[in-house]
Amino acid sequence: MKKVWSSTLSARLKRSLFVATVESVLQYGAETWTLTTSMEKSLDGCYTRMLRMALNIPWQDHMRNSNLCAGWPKATEKIRERRLKLAGHCVRHSELAACPTILWEPTQGKASRGRRCLSFVDTLKRDTGLTIAEELRSCMLDRNIWRKITGQARASRWRST
């Protein structure tokens, strides 16, 4: 791909090619990931470096990431949106095997030492700002409310970049 990225193709065409080839491979199955904040920073940094390479913009040019992305959402924002859509779909579709496990939280047993591992439910709570799994479920079951929540999360996060 280096020959394509270093060619004289327009930036718009390179971005489209980047989305079709690199971004689609990077985000394959990503809606099921539970990412910590440090993982999200690493992923966004990697995404930005790959975009700079695709647009043939070296880091020595000192172009800000906000100018480089020009209103595009970060990779983690796209993953967040896909994660919320998948979770809502799975909860509303009761015949899927994933339906009872999407919002599952362990209620018994002894916790091990150290920080608790991040679960998918914890990630959904962080993405939406909701604190209780049952609150998540009730919002997911009402499609209009869930679209508002996922749309507001997307719009507020994309505006802040």
C-alpha atoms as a PDB file:
ATOM      1  CA  MET A   1       0.000   0.000   0.000  1.00  0.00           C
ATOM      2  CA  LYS A   2       2.973   2.359   0.393  1.00  0.00           C
ATOM      3  CA  LYS A   3       3.043   2.927  -3.367  1.00  0.00           C
ATOM      4  CA  VAL A   4      -0.616   3.933  -3.304  1.00  0.00           C
ATOM      5  CA  TRP A   5      -0.198   6.207  -0.279  1.00  0.00           C
ATOM      6  CA  SER A   6       2.858   7.959  -1.747  1.00  0.00           C
ATOM      7  CA  SER A   7       1.200   8.431  -5.138  1.00  0.00           C
ATOM      8  CA  THR A   8      -0.331  11.667  -6.412  1.00  0.00           C
ATOM      9  CA  LEU A   9      -3.924  10.535  -5.884  1.00  0.00           C
ATOM     10  CA  SER A  10      -6.233  13.115  -4.339  1.00  0.00           C
ATOM     11  CA  ALA A  11      -6.604  13.192  -0.541  1.00  0.00           C
ATOM     12  CA  ARG A  12     -10.313  12.452  -0.875  1.00  0.00           C
ATOM     13  CA  LEU A  13      -9.649   9.283  -2.881  1.00  0.00           C
ATOM     14  CA  LYS A  14      -6.937   8.208  -0.430  1.00  0.00           C
ATOM     15  CA  ARG A  15      -9.353   8.672   2.490  1.00  0.00           C
ATOM     16  CA  SER A  16     -11.996   6.578   0.749  1.00  0.00           C
ATOM     17  CA  LEU A  17      -9.435   3.890   0.021  1.00  0.00           C
ATOM     18  CA  PHE A  18      -8.214   4.070   3.622  1.00  0.00           C
ATOM     19  CA  VAL A  19     -11.741   3.550   4.974  1.00  0.00           C
ATOM     20  CA  ALA A  20     -12.408   0.670   2.583  1.00  0.00           C
ATOM     21  CA  THR A  21      -9.168  -1.201   3.185  1.00  0.00           C
ATOM     22  CA  VAL A  22      -7.461  -0.291   6.446  1.00  0.00           C
ATOM     23  CA  GLU A  23     -10.323   0.871   8.655  1.00  0.00           C
ATOM     24  CA  SER A  24     -12.623  -2.009   7.757  1.00  0.00           C
ATOM     25  CA  VAL A  25      -9.917  -4.542   8.667  1.00  0.00           C
ATOM     26  CA  LEU A  26      -9.004  -2.660  11.857  1.00  0.00           C
ATOM     27  CA  GLN A  27     -12.599  -2.576  13.079  1.00  0.00           C
ATOM     28  CA  TYR A  28     -13.597  -6.113  12.099  1.00  0.00           C
ATOM     29  CA  GLY A  29     -15.330  -7.603  15.142  1.00  0.00           C
ATOM     30  CA  ALA A  30     -14.360  -4.587  17.264  1.00  0.00           C
ATOM     31  CA  GLU A  31     -17.901  -4.062  18.549  1.00  0.00           C
ATOM     32  CA  THR A  32     -17.344  -6.999  20.910  1.00  0.00           C
ATOM     33  CA  TRP A  33     -14.147  -5.589  22.438  1.00  0.00           C
ATOM     34  CA  THR A  34     -13.964  -4.221  25.954  1.00  0.00           C
ATOM     35  CA  LEU A  35     -11.408  -1.436  25.775  1.00  0.00           C
ATOM     36  CA  THR A  36      -9.824   0.334  28.705  1.00  0.00           C
ATOM     37  CA  THR A  37      -9.027   4.034  28.441  1.00  0.00           C
ATOM     38  CA  SER A  38      -5.342   3.337  27.772  1.00  0.00           C
ATOM     39  CA  MET A  39      -6.257   0.830  25.056  1.00  0.00           C
ATOM     40  CA  GLU A  40      -8.524   3.425  23.455  1.00  0.00           C
ATOM     41  CA  LYS A  41      -5.706   5.991  23.447  1.00  0.00           C
ATOM     42  CA  SER A  42      -3.348   3.466  21.853  1.00  0.00           C
ATOM     43  CA  LEU A  43      -5.909   2.517  19.225  1.00  0.00           C
ATOM     44  CA  ASP A  44      -6.661   6.147  18.368  1.00  0.00           C
ATOM     45  CA  GLY A  45      -2.938   6.902  18.146  1.00  0.00           C
ATOM     46  CA  CYS A  46      -2.353   3.949  15.834  1.00  0.00           C
ATOM     47  CA  TYR A  47      -5.325   5.002  13.701  1.00  0.00           C
ATOM     48  CA  THR A  48      -3.979   8.553  13.418  1.00  0.00           C
ATOM     49  CA  ARG A  49      -0.497   7.326  12.454  1.00  0.00           C
ATOM     50  CA  MET A  50      -1.975   5.075   9.770  1.00  0.00           C
ATOM     51  CA  LEU A  51      -4.097   7.944   8.449  1.00  0.00           C
ATOM     52  CA  ARG A  52      -1.005  10.182   8.305  1.00  0.00           C
ATOM     53  CA  MET A  53       0.801   7.484   6.361  1.00  0.00           C
ATOM     54  CA  ALA A  54      -2.133   7.068   3.998  1.00  0.00           C
ATOM     55  CA  LEU A  55      -2.354  10.805   3.322  1.00  0.00           C
ATOM     56  CA  ASN A  56       1.453  11.050   3.057  1.00  0.00           C
ATOM     57  CA  ILE A  57       1.703  13.617   5.862  1.00  0.00           C
ATOM     58  CA  PRO A  58       4.880  13.166   7.956  1.00  0.00           C
ATOM     59  CA  TRP A  59       4.809  13.977  11.650  1.00  0.00           C
ATOM     60  CA  GLN A  60       7.479  16.639  11.046  1.00  0.00           C
ATOM     61  CA  ASP A  61       4.817  18.793   9.326  1.00  0.00           C
ATOM     62  CA  HIS A  62       3.292  19.425  12.772  1.00  0.00           C
ATOM     63  CA  MET A  63      -0.277  19.132  11.510  1.00  0.00           C
ATOM     64  CA  ARG A  64      -2.731  18.883  14.367  1.00  0.00           C
ATOM     65  CA  ASN A  65      -4.828  15.725  14.600  1.00  0.00           C
ATOM     66  CA  SER A  66      -7.978  17.865  14.573  1.00  0.00           C
ATOM     67  CA  ASN A  67      -6.943  19.269  11.186  1.00  0.00           C
ATOM     68  CA  LEU A  68      -5.898  15.847   9.930  1.00  0.00           C
ATOM     69  CA  CYS A  69      -9.206  14.195  10.772  1.00  0.00           C
ATOM     70  CA  ALA A  70     -11.260  17.268   9.749  1.00  0.00           C
ATOM     71  CA  GLY A  71     -14.486  16.324  11.500  1.00  0.00           C
ATOM     72  CA  TRP A  72     -14.047  12.566  11.179  1.00  0.00           C
ATOM     73  CA  PRO A  73     -14.733  10.608  14.358  1.00  0.00           C
ATOM     74  CA  LYS A  74     -11.937   8.736  16.095  1.00  0.00           C
ATOM     75  CA  ALA A  75     -11.655   4.989  15.603  1.00  0.00           C
ATOM     76  CA  THR A  76     -12.861   4.367  19.154  1.00  0.00           C
ATOM     77  CA  GLU A  77     -15.958   6.515  18.554  1.00  0.00           C
ATOM     78  CA  LYS A  78     -16.902   4.380  15.563  1.00  0.00           C
ATOM     79  CA  ILE A  79     -16.323   1.233  17.608  1.00  0.00           C
ATOM     80  CA  ARG A  80     -18.454   2.675  20.440  1.00  0.00           C
ATOM     81  CA  GLU A  81     -21.333   3.345  18.069  1.00  0.00           C
ATOM     82  CA  ARG A  82     -21.115  -0.158  16.570  1.00  0.00           C
ATOM     83  CA  ARG A  83     -20.945  -1.689  20.070  1.00  0.00           C
ATOM     84  CA  LEU A  84     -24.084   0.116  21.215  1.00  0.00           C
ATOM     85  CA  LYS A  85     -25.995  -0.852  18.062  1.00  0.00           C
ATOM     86  CA  LEU A  86     -24.992  -4.514  18.422  1.00  0.00           C
ATOM     87  CA  ALA A  87     -25.914  -4.628  22.114  1.00  0.00           C
ATOM     88  CA  GLY A  88     -29.318  -3.054  21.480  1.00  0.00           C
ATOM     89  CA  HIS A  89     -30.024  -5.465  18.652  1.00  0.00           C
ATOM     90  CA  CYS A  90     -29.036  -8.502  20.727  1.00  0.00           C
ATOM     91  CA  VAL A  91     -31.190  -7.478  23.695  1.00  0.00           C
ATOM     92  CA  ARG A  92     -34.248  -6.778  21.529  1.00  0.00           C
ATOM     93  CA  HIS A  93     -33.882 -10.055  19.614  1.00  0.00           C
ATOM     94  CA  SER A  94     -34.828 -12.612  22.267  1.00  0.00           C
ATOM     95  CA  GLU A  95     -34.117 -15.666  20.076  1.00  0.00           C
ATOM     96  CA  LEU A  96     -30.408 -14.927  19.798  1.00  0.00           C
ATOM     97  CA  ALA A  97     -28.100 -16.952  22.012  1.00  0.00           C
ATOM     98  CA  ALA A  98     -26.334 -13.729  23.036  1.00  0.00           C
ATOM     99  CA  CYS A  99     -29.519 -12.131  24.389  1.00  0.00           C
ATOM    100  CA  PRO A 100     -29.251 -13.338  28.006  1.00  0.00           C
ATOM    101  CA  THR A 101     -25.466 -12.867  28.151  1.00  0.00           C
ATOM    102  CA  ILE A 102     -25.165  -9.301  26.837  1.00  0.00           C
ATOM    103  CA  LEU A 103     -26.127  -7.728  30.163  1.00  0.00           C
ATOM    104  CA  TRP A 104     -24.937 -10.579  32.402  1.00  0.00           C
ATOM    105  CA  GLU A 105     -23.130  -9.579  35.570  1.00  0.00           C
ATOM    106  CA  PRO A 106     -21.723 -12.038  38.097  1.00  0.00           C
ATOM    107  CA  THR A 107     -23.726 -11.953  41.327  1.00  0.00           C
ATOM    108  CA  GLN A 108     -22.111 -14.664  43.381  1.00  0.00           C
ATOM    109  CA  GLY A 109     -18.720 -16.110  44.045  1.00  0.00           C
ATOM    110  CA  LYS A 110     -15.588 -14.707  45.555  1.00  0.00           C
ATOM    111  CA  ALA A 111     -13.806 -11.855  43.826  1.00  0.00           C
ATOM    112  CA  SER A 112     -10.108 -12.302  43.236  1.00  0.00           C
ATOM    113  CA  ARG A 113      -7.493  -9.829  44.393  1.00  0.00           C
ATOM    114  CA  GLY A 114      -6.723  -6.755  42.370  1.00  0.00           C
ATOM    115  CA  ARG A 115      -8.699  -4.644  39.995  1.00  0.00           C
ATOM    116  CA  ARG A 116     -11.752  -6.294  38.520  1.00  0.00           C
ATOM    117  CA  CYS A 117     -11.562  -7.069  34.801  1.00  0.00           C
ATOM    118  CA  LEU A 118     -13.599  -4.785  32.572  1.00  0.00           C
ATOM    119  CA  SER A 119     -16.757  -6.546  31.388  1.00  0.00           C
ATOM    120  CA  PHE A 120     -18.914  -5.846  28.348  1.00  0.00           C
ATOM    121  CA  VAL A 121     -21.658  -4.467  30.610  1.00  0.00           C
ATOM    122  CA  ASP A 122     -19.176  -2.097  32.242  1.00  0.00           C
ATOM    123  CA  THR A 123     -18.168  -0.874  28.801  1.00  0.00           C
ATOM    124  CA  LEU A 124     -21.804  -0.313  27.810  1.00  0.00           C
ATOM    125  CA  LYS A 125     -22.413   1.609  31.040  1.00  0.00           C
ATOM    126  CA  ARG A 126     -19.398   3.813  30.374  1.00  0.00           C
ATOM    127  CA  ASP A 127     -20.473   4.384  26.754  1.00  0.00           C
ATOM    128  CA  THR A 128     -23.989   5.469  27.694  1.00  0.00           C
ATOM    129  CA  GLY A 129     -23.447   7.057  31.087  1.00  0.00           C
ATOM    130  CA  LEU A 130     -26.042   4.748  32.650  1.00  0.00           C
ATOM    131  CA  THR A 131     -25.164   2.997  35.915  1.00  0.00           C
ATOM    132  CA  ILE A 132     -27.522   0.012  36.269  1.00  0.00           C
ATOM    133  CA  ALA A 133     -27.818  -2.964  33.917  1.00  0.00           C
ATOM    134  CA  GLU A 134     -31.611  -3.017  34.201  1.00  0.00           C
ATOM    135  CA  GLU A 135     -31.694   0.634  33.203  1.00  0.00           C
ATOM    136  CA  LEU A 136     -29.635  -0.309  30.146  1.00  0.00           C
ATOM    137  CA  ARG A 137     -32.026  -3.152  29.321  1.00  0.00           C
ATOM    138  CA  SER A 138     -35.126  -0.968  29.545  1.00  0.00           C
ATOM    139  CA  CYS A 139     -33.539   1.654  27.274  1.00  0.00           C
ATOM    140  CA  MET A 140     -32.431  -1.007  24.779  1.00  0.00           C
ATOM    141  CA  LEU A 141     -35.904  -2.528  24.595  1.00  0.00           C
ATOM    142  CA  ASP A 142     -37.391   0.796  23.534  1.00  0.00           C
ATOM    143  CA  ARG A 143     -35.825   1.351  20.124  1.00  0.00           C
ATOM    144  CA  ASN A 144     -36.614   5.090  19.999  1.00  0.00           C
ATOM    145  CA  ILE A 145     -34.960   5.768  23.343  1.00  0.00           C
ATOM    146  CA  TRP A 146     -31.956   3.636  22.393  1.00  0.00           C
ATOM    147  CA  ARG A 147     -31.525   5.499  19.109  1.00  0.00           C
ATOM    148  CA  LYS A 148     -31.583   8.781  21.023  1.00  0.00           C
ATOM    149  CA  ILE A 149     -28.971   7.534  23.483  1.00  0.00           C
ATOM    150  CA  THR A 150     -26.654   6.179  20.808  1.00  0.00           C
ATOM    151  CA  GLY A 151     -27.189   9.218  18.583  1.00  0.00           C
ATOM    152  CA  GLN A 152     -26.554  11.676  21.395  1.00  0.00           C
ATOM    153  CA  ALA A 153     -23.448   9.812  22.465  1.00  0.00           C
ATOM    154  CA  ARG A 154     -22.160   9.902  18.905  1.00  0.00           C
ATOM    155  CA  ALA A 155     -23.010  13.564  18.311  1.00  0.00           C
ATOM    156  CA  SER A 156     -21.531  14.818  21.587  1.00  0.00           C
ATOM    157  CA  ARG A 157     -18.346  12.842  21.191  1.00  0.00           C
ATOM    158  CA  TRP A 158     -17.840  13.787  17.561  1.00  0.00           C
ATOM    159  CA  ARG A 159     -18.349  17.468  18.365  1.00  0.00           C
ATOM    160  CA  SER A 160     -15.731  17.340  21.088  1.00  0.00           C
ATOM    161  CA  THR A 161     -13.008  16.097  18.726  1.00  0.00           C
END
